[in-house]
PDB file of N, CA and C in Angstrom:
ATOM      1  N   MET A   1     -30.541 -18.699 -11.566  1.00  0.00           N
ATOM      2  CA  MET A   1     -29.762 -18.438 -10.510  1.00  0.00           C
ATOM      3  C   MET A   1     -28.409 -19.210 -10.747  1.00  0.00           C
ATOM      4  N   GLU A   2     -28.522 -20.335 -11.269  1.00  0.00           N
ATOM      5  CA  GLU A   2     -27.261 -21.260 -11.440  1.00  0.00           C
ATOM      6  C   GLU A   2     -26.233 -20.495 -12.315  1.00  0.00           C
ATOM      7  N   ILE A   3     -26.758 -19.804 -13.283  1.00  0.00           N
ATOM      8  CA  ILE A   3     -25.697 -18.882 -14.265  1.00  0.00           C
ATOM      9  C   ILE A   3     -25.134 -17.890 -13.426  1.00  0.00           C
ATOM     10  N   LEU A   4     -25.732 -17.125 -12.682  1.00  0.00           N
ATOM     11  CA  LEU A   4     -24.962 -16.141 -11.737  1.00  0.00           C
ATOM     12  C   LEU A   4     -23.961 -16.745 -10.860  1.00  0.00           C
ATOM     13  N   MET A   5     -24.352 -17.929 -10.391  1.00  0.00           N
ATOM     14  CA  MET A   5     -23.414 -18.559  -9.402  1.00  0.00           C
ATOM     15  C   MET A   5     -22.243 -19.109 -10.079  1.00  0.00           C
ATOM     16  N   SER A   6     -22.489 -19.600 -11.392  1.00  0.00           N
ATOM     17  CA  SER A   6     -21.508 -20.147 -12.208  1.00  0.00           C
ATOM     18  C   SER A   6     -20.464 -18.972 -12.706  1.00  0.00           C
ATOM     19  N   ILE A   7     -21.000 -17.849 -12.960  1.00  0.00           N
ATOM     20  CA  ILE A   7     -19.934 -16.712 -13.067  1.00  0.00           C
ATOM     21  C   ILE A   7     -19.284 -16.415 -11.922  1.00  0.00           C
ATOM     22  N   MET A   8     -19.867 -16.345 -10.835  1.00  0.00           N
ATOM     23  CA  MET A   8     -19.313 -15.987  -9.549  1.00  0.00           C
ATOM     24  C   MET A   8     -18.162 -16.940  -9.240  1.00  0.00           C
ATOM     25  N   ILE A   9     -18.577 -18.354  -9.510  1.00  0.00           N
ATOM     26  CA  ILE A   9     -17.449 -19.234  -9.013  1.00  0.00           C
ATOM     27  C   ILE A   9     -16.340 -19.182 -10.188  1.00  0.00           C
ATOM     28  N   GLY A  10     -16.512 -18.792 -11.296  1.00  0.00           N
ATOM     29  CA  GLY A  10     -15.406 -18.480 -12.344  1.00  0.00           C
ATOM     30  C   GLY A  10     -14.526 -17.306 -11.919  1.00  0.00           C
ATOM     31  N   ILE A  11     -15.085 -16.314 -11.355  1.00  0.00           N
ATOM     32  CA  ILE A  11     -14.458 -15.101 -10.779  1.00  0.00           C
ATOM     33  C   ILE A  11     -13.560 -15.595  -9.746  1.00  0.00           C
ATOM     34  N   VAL A  12     -14.023 -16.451  -8.915  1.00  0.00           N
ATOM     35  CA  VAL A  12     -13.377 -16.940  -7.663  1.00  0.00           C
ATOM     36  C   VAL A  12     -12.112 -17.693  -8.144  1.00  0.00           C
ATOM     37  N   PHE A  13     -12.493 -18.611  -9.058  1.00  0.00           N
ATOM     38  CA  PHE A  13     -11.305 -19.441  -9.576  1.00  0.00           C
ATOM     39  C   PHE A  13     -10.275 -18.598 -10.106  1.00  0.00           C
ATOM     40  N   THR A  14     -10.723 -17.658 -10.897  1.00  0.00           N
ATOM     41  CA  THR A  14      -9.709 -16.733 -11.605  1.00  0.00           C
ATOM     42  C   THR A  14      -8.754 -16.079 -10.688  1.00  0.00           C
ATOM     43  N   VAL A  15      -9.533 -15.596  -9.694  1.00  0.00           N
ATOM     44  CA  VAL A  15      -8.803 -14.790  -8.652  1.00  0.00           C
ATOM     45  C   VAL A  15      -7.663 -15.504  -8.015  1.00  0.00           C
ATOM     46  N   SER A  16      -8.132 -16.986  -7.637  1.00  0.00           N
ATOM     47  CA  SER A  16      -7.325 -17.771  -6.956  1.00  0.00           C
ATOM     48  C   SER A  16      -6.099 -18.268  -7.907  1.00  0.00           C
ATOM     49  N   ILE A  17      -6.270 -18.397  -9.057  1.00  0.00           N
ATOM     50  CA  ILE A  17      -5.271 -18.795 -10.019  1.00  0.00           C
ATOM     51  C   ILE A  17      -4.289 -17.758 -10.036  1.00  0.00           C
ATOM     52  N   TYR A  18      -4.772 -16.386 -10.321  1.00  0.00           N
ATOM     53  CA  TYR A  18      -3.869 -15.282 -10.214  1.00  0.00           C
ATOM     54  C   TYR A  18      -3.048 -15.198  -8.885  1.00  0.00           C
ATOM     55  N   LEU A  19      -3.663 -15.448  -7.892  1.00  0.00           N
ATOM     56  CA  LEU A  19      -2.829 -15.400  -6.438  1.00  0.00           C
ATOM     57  C   LEU A  19      -1.809 -16.674  -6.550  1.00  0.00           C
ATOM     58  N   PHE A  20      -2.294 -17.865  -7.081  1.00  0.00           N
ATOM     59  CA  PHE A  20      -1.233 -18.844  -7.158  1.00  0.00           C
ATOM     60  C   PHE A  20      -0.005 -18.511  -7.904  1.00  0.00           C
ATOM     61  N   LEU A  21      -0.013 -17.606  -8.875  1.00  0.00           N
ATOM     62  CA  LEU A  21       1.128 -17.227  -9.745  1.00  0.00           C
ATOM     63  C   LEU A  21       1.900 -16.295  -9.237  1.00  0.00           C
ATOM     64  N   SER A  22       1.535 -15.610  -8.030  1.00  0.00           N
ATOM     65  CA  SER A  22       2.365 -14.772  -7.550  1.00  0.00           C
ATOM     66  C   SER A  22       3.566 -15.210  -6.734  1.00  0.00           C
ATOM     67  N   ARG A  23       4.340 -14.404  -6.207  1.00  0.00           N
ATOM     68  CA  ARG A  23       5.560 -14.911  -5.510  1.00  0.00           C
ATOM     69  C   ARG A  23       5.510 -14.799  -4.125  1.00  0.00           C
ATOM     70  N   SER A  24       4.562 -14.236  -3.529  1.00  0.00           N
ATOM     71  CA  SER A  24       4.351 -14.352  -2.113  1.00  0.00           C
ATOM     72  C   SER A  24       3.678 -15.469  -1.577  1.00  0.00           C
ATOM     73  N   LEU A  25       4.301 -15.966  -0.553  1.00  0.00           N
ATOM     74  CA  LEU A  25       4.006 -17.213   0.207  1.00  0.00           C
ATOM     75  C   LEU A  25       2.557 -17.064   0.773  1.00  0.00           C
ATOM     76  N   LEU A  26       2.213 -15.785   1.326  1.00  0.00           N
ATOM     77  CA  LEU A  26       0.935 -15.517   1.921  1.00  0.00           C
ATOM     78  C   LEU A  26      -0.236 -15.518   0.922  1.00  0.00           C
ATOM     79  N   ARG A  27       0.136 -15.015  -0.273  1.00  0.00           N
ATOM     80  CA  ARG A  27      -0.805 -14.996  -1.423  1.00  0.00           C
ATOM     81  C   ARG A  27      -1.198 -16.370  -1.787  1.00  0.00           C
ATOM     82  N   VAL A  28      -0.166 -17.177  -1.844  1.00  0.00           N
ATOM     83  CA  VAL A  28      -0.502 -18.613  -2.181  1.00  0.00           C
ATOM     84  C   VAL A  28      -1.169 -19.387  -1.247  1.00  0.00           C
ATOM     85  N   THR A  29      -1.122 -18.973  -0.056  1.00  0.00           N
ATOM     86  CA  THR A  29      -1.925 -19.556   1.068  1.00  0.00           C
ATOM     87  C   THR A  29      -3.372 -19.042   0.933  1.00  0.00           C
ATOM     88  N   LEU A  30      -3.509 -17.843   0.571  1.00  0.00           N
ATOM     89  CA  LEU A  30      -4.736 -17.217   0.285  1.00  0.00           C
ATOM     90  C   LEU A  30      -5.465 -17.749  -0.907  1.00  0.00           C
ATOM     91  N   ALA A  31      -4.725 -17.998  -1.800  1.00  0.00           N
ATOM     92  CA  ALA A  31      -5.213 -18.662  -3.002  1.00  0.00           C
ATOM     93  C   ALA A  31      -5.746 -20.051  -2.881  1.00  0.00           C
ATOM     94  N   THR A  32      -5.067 -20.796  -2.024  1.00  0.00           N
ATOM     95  CA  THR A  32      -5.678 -22.018  -1.552  1.00  0.00           C
ATOM     96  C   THR A  32      -6.875 -21.915  -0.831  1.00  0.00           C
ATOM     97  N   LEU A  33      -6.997 -21.170  -0.039  1.00  0.00           N
ATOM     98  CA  LEU A  33      -8.307 -20.683   0.756  1.00  0.00           C
ATOM     99  C   LEU A  33      -9.384 -20.452  -0.230  1.00  0.00           C
ATOM    100  N   LEU A  34      -9.109 -19.389  -1.273  1.00  0.00           N
ATOM    101  CA  LEU A  34     -10.093 -19.128  -2.363  1.00  0.00           C
ATOM    102  C   LEU A  34     -10.448 -20.202  -3.191  1.00  0.00           C
ATOM    103  N   MET A  35      -9.605 -21.067  -3.437  1.00  0.00           N
ATOM    104  CA  MET A  35      -9.723 -22.148  -4.336  1.00  0.00           C
ATOM    105  C   MET A  35     -10.754 -23.166  -3.635  1.00  0.00           C
ATOM    106  N   SER A  36     -10.693 -23.361  -2.347  1.00  0.00           N
ATOM    107  CA  SER A  36     -11.467 -24.271  -1.687  1.00  0.00           C
ATOM    108  C   SER A  36     -12.869 -23.701  -1.696  1.00  0.00           C
ATOM    109  N   HIS A  37     -12.995 -22.457  -1.380  1.00  0.00           N
ATOM    110  CA  HIS A  37     -14.161 -21.798  -1.304  1.00  0.00           C
ATOM    111  C   HIS A  37     -15.002 -21.865  -2.699  1.00  0.00           C
ATOM    112  N   GLY A  38     -14.187 -21.842  -3.735  1.00  0.00           N
ATOM    113  CA  GLY A  38     -14.891 -21.880  -5.023  1.00  0.00           C
ATOM    114  C   GLY A  38     -15.366 -23.360  -5.453  1.00  0.00           C
ATOM    115  N   VAL A  39     -14.659 -24.351  -4.625  1.00  0.00           N
ATOM    116  CA  VAL A  39     -14.936 -25.743  -4.923  1.00  0.00           C
ATOM    117  C   VAL A  39     -16.187 -25.897  -4.104  1.00  0.00           C
ATOM    118  N   HIS A  40     -16.374 -25.399  -2.891  1.00  0.00           N
ATOM    119  CA  HIS A  40     -17.500 -25.486  -2.085  1.00  0.00           C
ATOM    120  C   HIS A  40     -18.943 -24.918  -2.902  1.00  0.00           C
ATOM    121  N   LEU A  41     -18.639 -23.766  -3.417  1.00  0.00           N
ATOM    122  CA  LEU A  41     -19.661 -23.258  -4.329  1.00  0.00           C
ATOM    123  C   LEU A  41     -20.070 -24.116  -5.353  1.00  0.00           C
ATOM    124  N   LEU A  42     -19.003 -24.789  -6.034  1.00  0.00           N
ATOM    125  CA  LEU A  42     -19.306 -25.418  -7.204  1.00  0.00           C
ATOM    126  C   LEU A  42     -20.095 -26.586  -6.905  1.00  0.00           C
ATOM    127  N   LEU A  43     -19.794 -27.231  -5.858  1.00  0.00           N
ATOM    128  CA  LEU A  43     -20.417 -28.462  -5.262  1.00  0.00           C
ATOM    129  C   LEU A  43     -21.933 -28.142  -5.044  1.00  0.00           C
ATOM    130  N   LEU A  44     -22.141 -26.994  -4.418  1.00  0.00           N
ATOM    131  CA  LEU A  44     -23.472 -26.689  -4.031  1.00  0.00           C
ATOM    132  C   LEU A  44     -24.468 -26.285  -5.182  1.00  0.00           C
ATOM    133  N   THR A  45     -23.717 -25.787  -6.081  1.00  0.00           N
ATOM    134  CA  THR A  45     -24.397 -25.276  -7.287  1.00  0.00           C
ATOM    135  C   THR A  45     -24.803 -26.364  -8.238  1.00  0.00           C
ATOM    136  N   LEU A  46     -23.931 -27.262  -8.446  1.00  0.00           N
ATOM    137  CA  LEU A  46     -23.924 -28.464  -9.327  1.00  0.00           C
ATOM    138  C   LEU A  46     -25.065 -29.292  -8.665  1.00  0.00           C
ATOM    139  N   SER A  47     -25.343 -29.328  -7.318  1.00  0.00           N
ATOM    140  CA  SER A  47     -26.367 -30.002  -6.959  1.00  0.00           C
ATOM    141  C   SER A  47     -27.761 -29.540  -7.055  1.00  0.00           C
ATOM    142  N   GLY A  48     -27.922 -28.277  -7.488  1.00  0.00           N
ATOM    143  CA  GLY A  48     -29.235 -27.532  -7.921  1.00  0.00           C
ATOM    144  C   GLY A  48     -29.526 -26.777  -6.580  1.00  0.00           C
ATOM    145  N   LEU A  49     -29.726 -25.366  -7.066  1.00  0.00           N
ATOM    146  CA  LEU A  49     -30.219 -24.660  -6.030  1.00  0.00           C
ATOM    147  C   LEU A  49     -31.714 -24.472  -6.118  1.00  0.00           C
ATOM    148  N   GLN A  50     -32.436 -24.860  -4.980  1.00  0.00           N
ATOM    149  CA  GLN A  50     -33.840 -24.912  -4.794  1.00  0.00           C
ATOM    150  C   GLN A  50     -34.155 -23.955  -3.724  1.00  0.00           C
ATOM    151  N   ARG A  51     -35.184 -23.331  -3.953  1.00  0.00           N
ATOM    152  CA  ARG A  51     -35.717 -22.315  -2.823  1.00  0.00           C
ATOM    153  C   ARG A  51     -37.005 -22.922  -2.178  1.00  0.00           C
ATOM    154  N   GLY A  52     -37.126 -22.979  -0.928  1.00  0.00           N
ATOM    155  CA  GLY A  52     -38.253 -23.288  -0.354  1.00  0.00           C
ATOM    156  C   GLY A  52     -38.611 -24.760  -0.113  1.00  0.00           C
ATOM    157  N   ALA A  53     -37.665 -25.758  -0.582  1.00  0.00           N
ATOM    158  CA  ALA A  53     -37.758 -27.078  -0.380  1.00  0.00           C
ATOM    159  C   ALA A  53     -37.251 -27.440   0.932  1.00  0.00           C
ATOM    160  N   SER A  54     -37.892 -28.332   1.727  1.00  0.00           N
ATOM    161  CA  SER A  54     -37.515 -28.811   2.947  1.00  0.00           C
ATOM    162  C   SER A  54     -36.789 -29.986   2.781  1.00  0.00           C
ATOM    163  N   PRO A  55     -35.992 -30.163   4.050  1.00  0.00           N
ATOM    164  CA  PRO A  55     -35.224 -31.409   3.960  1.00  0.00           C
ATOM    165  C   PRO A  55     -36.226 -32.652   3.990  1.00  0.00           C
ATOM    166  N   PHE A  56     -35.641 -33.822   3.607  1.00  0.00           N
ATOM    167  CA  PHE A  56     -36.617 -35.022   3.427  1.00  0.00           C
ATOM    168  C   PHE A  56     -37.050 -35.432   4.944  1.00  0.00           C
ATOM    169  N   LEU A  57     -38.367 -35.231   4.989  1.00  0.00           N
ATOM    170  CA  LEU A  57     -39.025 -35.408   6.207  1.00  0.00           C
ATOM    171  C   LEU A  57     -39.844 -36.845   6.277  1.00  0.00           C
ATOM    172  N   ASN A  58     -40.564 -36.852   5.058  1.00  0.00           N
ATOM    173  CA  ASN A  58     -41.442 -38.055   5.218  1.00  0.00           C
ATOM    174  C   ASN A  58     -41.446 -38.574   3.487  1.00  0.00           C
ATOM    175  N   PHE A  59     -41.961 -39.748   3.377  1.00  0.00           N
ATOM    176  CA  PHE A  59     -41.755 -40.378   2.028  1.00  0.00           C
ATOM    177  C   PHE A  59     -42.838 -39.852   1.141  1.00  0.00           C
ATOM    178  N   GLN A  60     -43.893 -39.146   1.660  1.00  0.00           N
ATOM    179  CA  GLN A  60     -44.940 -38.514   0.683  1.00  0.00           C
ATOM    180  C   GLN A  60     -44.688 -37.054   0.440  1.00  0.00           C
ATOM    181  N   ALA A  61     -43.506 -36.584   0.644  1.00  0.00           N
ATOM    182  CA  ALA A  61     -43.239 -35.213   0.051  1.00  0.00           C
ATOM    183  C   ALA A  61     -43.016 -35.093  -1.459  1.00  0.00           C
ATOM    184  N   ASP A  62     -43.571 -34.020  -1.918  1.00  0.00           N
ATOM    185  CA  ASP A  62     -43.563 -33.567  -3.389  1.00  0.00           C
ATOM    186  C   ASP A  62     -42.033 -33.231  -3.700  1.00  0.00           C
ATOM    187  N   ALA A  63     -41.394 -32.335  -2.924  1.00  0.00           N
ATOM    188  CA  ALA A  63     -40.017 -32.051  -3.279  1.00  0.00           C
ATOM    189  C   ALA A  63     -39.497 -31.717  -1.955  1.00  0.00           C
ATOM    190  N   TYR A  64     -38.072 -32.226  -2.100  1.00  0.00           N
ATOM    191  CA  TYR A  64     -37.314 -32.032  -0.842  1.00  0.00           C
ATOM    192  C   TYR A  64     -35.765 -31.673  -1.200  1.00  0.00           C
ATOM    193  N   SER A  65     -35.029 -31.183  -0.504  1.00  0.00           N
ATOM    194  CA  SER A  65     -33.646 -30.772  -0.751  1.00  0.00           C
ATOM    195  C   SER A  65     -32.807 -32.109  -0.540  1.00  0.00           C
ATOM    196  N   ASP A  66     -31.807 -32.326  -1.363  1.00  0.00           N
ATOM    197  CA  ASP A  66     -30.883 -33.377  -1.034  1.00  0.00           C
ATOM    198  C   ASP A  66     -29.801 -32.940   0.110  1.00  0.00           C
ATOM    199  N   PRO A  67     -29.843 -33.533   1.115  1.00  0.00           N
ATOM    200  CA  PRO A  67     -28.811 -33.180   2.207  1.00  0.00           C
ATOM    201  C   PRO A  67     -27.302 -33.668   1.916  1.00  0.00           C
ATOM    202  N   LEU A  68     -27.276 -34.598   0.987  1.00  0.00           N
ATOM    203  CA  LEU A  68     -25.974 -35.096   0.678  1.00  0.00           C
ATOM    204  C   LEU A  68     -24.904 -34.018   0.175  1.00  0.00           C
ATOM    205  N   PRO A  69     -25.077 -33.256  -0.594  1.00  0.00           N
ATOM    206  CA  PRO A  69     -24.147 -32.185  -1.082  1.00  0.00           C
ATOM    207  C   PRO A  69     -23.808 -31.201   0.104  1.00  0.00           C
ATOM    208  N   GLN A  70     -24.838 -30.897   0.972  1.00  0.00           N
ATOM    209  CA  GLN A  70     -24.437 -30.032   2.013  1.00  0.00           C
ATOM    210  C   GLN A  70     -23.582 -30.655   3.048  1.00  0.00           C
ATOM    211  N   ALA A  71     -23.917 -31.974   3.192  1.00  0.00           N
ATOM    212  CA  ALA A  71     -22.944 -32.778   4.260  1.00  0.00           C
ATOM    213  C   ALA A  71     -21.462 -32.900   3.747  1.00  0.00           C
ATOM    214  N   LEU A  72     -21.411 -33.064   2.411  1.00  0.00           N
ATOM    215  CA  LEU A  72     -20.128 -33.113   1.664  1.00  0.00           C
ATOM    216  C   LEU A  72     -19.304 -31.728   1.786  1.00  0.00           C
ATOM    217  N   VAL A  73     -20.141 -30.690   1.605  1.00  0.00           N
ATOM    218  CA  VAL A  73     -19.574 -29.355   1.629  1.00  0.00           C
ATOM    219  C   VAL A  73     -19.000 -28.946   3.104  1.00  0.00           C
ATOM    220  N   LEU A  74     -19.947 -29.464   4.061  1.00  0.00           N
ATOM    221  CA  LEU A  74     -19.600 -29.219   5.409  1.00  0.00           C
ATOM    222  C   LEU A  74     -18.306 -29.935   5.747  1.00  0.00           C
ATOM    223  N   THR A  75     -18.147 -31.187   5.405  1.00  0.00           N
ATOM    224  CA  THR A  75     -16.978 -31.968   5.506  1.00  0.00           C
ATOM    225  C   THR A  75     -15.730 -31.165   4.792  1.00  0.00           C
ATOM    226  N   ALA A  76     -15.900 -30.690   3.645  1.00  0.00           N
ATOM    227  CA  ALA A  76     -14.810 -30.133   2.877  1.00  0.00           C
ATOM    228  C   ALA A  76     -14.549 -28.764   3.461  1.00  0.00           C
ATOM    229  N   ILE A  77     -15.323 -28.072   4.098  1.00  0.00           N
ATOM    230  CA  ILE A  77     -15.095 -26.712   4.886  1.00  0.00           C
ATOM    231  C   ILE A  77     -14.138 -27.067   6.074  1.00  0.00           C
ATOM    232  N   VAL A  78     -14.405 -28.237   6.676  1.00  0.00           N
ATOM    233  CA  VAL A  78     -13.490 -28.573   7.859  1.00  0.00           C
ATOM    234  C   VAL A  78     -12.317 -29.006   7.495  1.00  0.00           C
ATOM    235  N   ILE A  79     -12.246 -29.751   6.338  1.00  0.00           N
ATOM    236  CA  ILE A  79     -10.867 -30.041   5.745  1.00  0.00           C
ATOM    237  C   ILE A  79      -9.963 -28.876   5.363  1.00  0.00           C
ATOM    238  N   SER A  80     -10.714 -28.078   4.568  1.00  0.00           N
ATOM    239  CA  SER A  80      -9.948 -26.894   4.137  1.00  0.00           C
ATOM    240  C   SER A  80      -9.440 -25.936   5.358  1.00  0.00           C
ATOM    241  N   PHE A  81     -10.365 -25.846   6.416  1.00  0.00           N
ATOM    242  CA  PHE A  81      -9.779 -25.108   7.513  1.00  0.00           C
ATOM    243  C   PHE A  81      -8.565 -25.669   8.172  1.00  0.00           C
ATOM    244  N   GLY A  82      -8.448 -26.844   8.198  1.00  0.00           N
ATOM    245  CA  GLY A  82      -7.192 -27.709   8.677  1.00  0.00           C
ATOM    246  C   GLY A  82      -6.148 -27.299   7.574  1.00  0.00           C
ATOM    247  N   VAL A  83      -6.485 -27.557   6.255  1.00  0.00           N
ATOM    248  CA  VAL A  83      -5.276 -27.359   5.358  1.00  0.00           C
ATOM    249  C   VAL A  83      -4.857 -25.767   5.412  1.00  0.00           C
ATOM    250  N   THR A  84      -5.615 -24.933   5.417  1.00  0.00           N
ATOM    251  CA  THR A  84      -5.395 -23.628   5.551  1.00  0.00           C
ATOM    252  C   THR A  84      -4.510 -23.173   6.860  1.00  0.00           C
ATOM    253  N   SER A  85      -4.871 -23.698   7.907  1.00  0.00           N
ATOM    254  CA  SER A  85      -4.261 -23.465   9.077  1.00  0.00           C
ATOM    255  C   SER A  85      -2.667 -24.123   9.058  1.00  0.00           C
ATOM    256  N   LEU A  86      -2.561 -25.379   8.562  1.00  0.00           N
ATOM    257  CA  LEU A  86      -1.309 -25.791   8.383  1.00  0.00           C
ATOM    258  C   LEU A  86      -0.529 -25.098   7.379  1.00  0.00           C
ATOM    259  N   LEU A  87      -1.017 -24.510   6.289  1.00  0.00           N
ATOM    260  CA  LEU A  87      -0.243 -23.765   5.414  1.00  0.00           C
ATOM    261  C   LEU A  87       0.180 -22.445   6.015  1.00  0.00           C
ATOM    262  N   LEU A  88      -0.724 -21.747   6.853  1.00  0.00           N
ATOM    263  CA  LEU A  88      -0.429 -20.488   7.601  1.00  0.00           C
ATOM    264  C   LEU A  88       0.747 -20.875   8.515  1.00  0.00           C
ATOM    265  N   VAL A  89       0.716 -21.918   9.268  1.00  0.00           N
ATOM    266  CA  VAL A  89       1.750 -22.214  10.117  1.00  0.00           C
ATOM    267  C   VAL A  89       3.093 -22.474   9.452  1.00  0.00           C
ATOM    268  N   MET A  90       3.034 -23.265   8.375  1.00  0.00           N
ATOM    269  CA  MET A  90       4.173 -23.444   7.643  1.00  0.00           C
ATOM    270  C   MET A  90       4.684 -22.235   6.915  1.00  0.00           C
ATOM    271  N   ALA A  91       3.782 -21.272   6.483  1.00  0.00           N
ATOM    272  CA  ALA A  91       4.427 -19.860   5.899  1.00  0.00           C
ATOM    273  C   ALA A  91       5.147 -19.126   6.996  1.00  0.00           C
ATOM    274  N   TYR A  92       4.443 -18.944   8.148  1.00  0.00           N
ATOM    275  CA  TYR A  92       4.891 -18.291   9.271  1.00  0.00           C
ATOM    276  C   TYR A  92       6.378 -18.865   9.702  1.00  0.00           C
ATOM    277  N   ARG A  93       6.575 -20.230   9.679  1.00  0.00           N
ATOM    278  CA  ARG A  93       7.703 -20.802  10.257  1.00  0.00           C
ATOM    279  C   ARG A  93       8.764 -20.237   9.025  1.00  0.00           C
ATOM    280  N   THR A  94       8.464 -20.336   7.809  1.00  0.00           N
ATOM    281  CA  THR A  94       9.391 -20.161   6.593  1.00  0.00           C
ATOM    282  C   THR A  94       9.817 -18.746   6.816  1.00  0.00           C
ATOM    283  N   PHE A  95       8.869 -17.869   6.998  1.00  0.00           N
ATOM    284  CA  PHE A  95       9.200 -16.318   7.213  1.00  0.00           C
ATOM    285  C   PHE A  95      10.036 -16.284   8.334  1.00  0.00           C
ATOM    286  N   LYS A  96       9.963 -16.744   9.435  1.00  0.00           N
ATOM    287  CA  LYS A  96      10.877 -16.654  10.680  1.00  0.00           C
ATOM    288  C   LYS A  96      12.133 -17.089  10.300  1.00  0.00           C
ATOM    289  N   VAL A  97      12.379 -18.188   9.654  1.00  0.00           N
ATOM    290  CA  VAL A  97      13.647 -18.780   9.509  1.00  0.00           C
ATOM    291  C   VAL A  97      14.343 -17.990   8.306  1.00  0.00           C
ATOM    292  N   HIS A  98      13.637 -17.481   7.276  1.00  0.00           N
ATOM    293  CA  HIS A  98      14.413 -16.991   5.895  1.00  0.00           C
ATOM    294  C   HIS A  98      14.273 -15.545   5.941  1.00  0.00           C
ATOM    295  N   ASN A  99      13.447 -15.006   6.767  1.00  0.00           N
ATOM    296  CA  ASN A  99      13.002 -13.494   6.802  1.00  0.00           C
ATOM    297  C   ASN A  99      12.571 -12.955   5.516  1.00  0.00           C
ATOM    298  N   THR A 100      11.797 -13.696   4.810  1.00  0.00           N
ATOM    299  CA  THR A 100      11.191 -13.196   3.585  1.00  0.00           C
ATOM    300  C   THR A 100      10.047 -14.234   3.202  1.00  0.00           C
ATOM    301  N   ASP A 101       9.009 -13.786   2.558  1.00  0.00           N
ATOM    302  CA  ASP A 101       7.944 -14.668   2.032  1.00  0.00           C
ATOM    303  C   ASP A 101       8.102 -14.722   0.442  1.00  0.00           C
ATOM    304  N   ASP A 102       9.146 -14.039  -0.120  1.00  0.00           N
ATOM    305  CA  ASP A 102       9.303 -14.119  -1.577  1.00  0.00           C
ATOM    306  C   ASP A 102       9.899 -15.688  -1.993  1.00  0.00           C
ATOM    307  N   LEU A 103       8.961 -16.278  -2.805  1.00  0.00           N
ATOM    308  CA  LEU A 103       9.299 -17.623  -3.153  1.00  0.00           C
ATOM    309  C   LEU A 103      10.685 -17.720  -4.176  1.00  0.00           C
ATOM    310  N   GLU A 104      10.806 -16.735  -4.809  1.00  0.00           N
ATOM    311  CA  GLU A 104      12.032 -16.541  -5.652  1.00  0.00           C
ATOM    312  C   GLU A 104      13.257 -16.612  -4.772  1.00  0.00           C
ATOM    313  N   GLU A 105      13.387 -15.842  -3.777  1.00  0.00           N
ATOM    314  CA  GLU A 105      14.409 -15.801  -2.724  1.00  0.00           C
ATOM    315  C   GLU A 105      14.551 -16.928  -2.060  1.00  0.00           C
ATOM    316  N   LEU A 106      13.465 -17.618  -1.805  1.00  0.00           N
ATOM    317  CA  LEU A 106      13.517 -19.023  -0.923  1.00  0.00           C
ATOM    318  C   LEU A 106      14.239 -20.183  -1.974  1.00  0.00           C
ATOM    319  N   ARG A 107      13.940 -19.937  -3.200  1.00  0.00           N
ATOM    320  CA  ARG A 107      14.316 -21.116  -4.072  1.00  0.00           C
ATOM    321  C   ARG A 107      15.960 -20.779  -4.298  1.00  0.00           C
ATOM    322  N   GLY A 108      16.265 -19.524  -4.362  1.00  0.00           N
ATOM    323  CA  GLY A 108      17.580 -19.100  -4.583  1.00  0.00           C
ATOM    324  C   GLY A 108      18.465 -19.467  -3.295  1.00  0.00           C
ATOM    325  N   SER A 109      17.961 -19.406  -2.113  1.00  0.00           N
ATOM    326  CA  SER A 109      18.645 -19.777  -0.816  1.00  0.00           C
ATOM    327  C   SER A 109      18.767 -21.258  -0.739  1.00  0.00           C
ATOM    328  N   ALA A 110      17.762 -22.144  -1.219  1.00  0.00           N
ATOM    329  CA  ALA A 110      17.825 -23.389  -1.213  1.00  0.00           C
ATOM    330  C   ALA A 110      18.904 -24.059  -2.424  1.00  0.00           C
ATOM    331  N   ASP A 111      19.117 -23.363  -3.361  1.00  0.00           N
ATOM    332  CA  ASP A 111      20.126 -23.867  -4.170  1.00  0.00           C
ATOM    333  C   ASP A 111      21.654 -23.626  -3.751  1.00  0.00           C
ATOM    334  N   GLU A 112      21.703 -22.485  -2.717  1.00  0.00           N
ATOM    335  CA  GLU A 112      23.274 -22.424  -2.297  1.00  0.00           C
ATOM    336  C   GLU A 112      23.709 -23.619  -1.365  1.00  0.00           C
TER     337      GLU A 112
END
């Protein structure tokens, strides 16, 4: 199962890097969102995927799932939501001011 998840994480990272290399500001924002989801999946996969293991309930349990990676991913989801919303607002404001979302045109207008 970890191999399949690793392949899927590689695909998500590949798509996000491809979107980072585009000229559209909205695609760069979506690439940030995809990259953060890839990191979340990576953290959960590296912590070990276990089926049927309950959370830590008592000290006599044979196997239990570690809640720390899940807590870290939950915190990272909240942070990435805030970063994505900030980037969307900044992209919208940039589009309203310059009437384009092309990064090459934005760079050309900054040089003038």
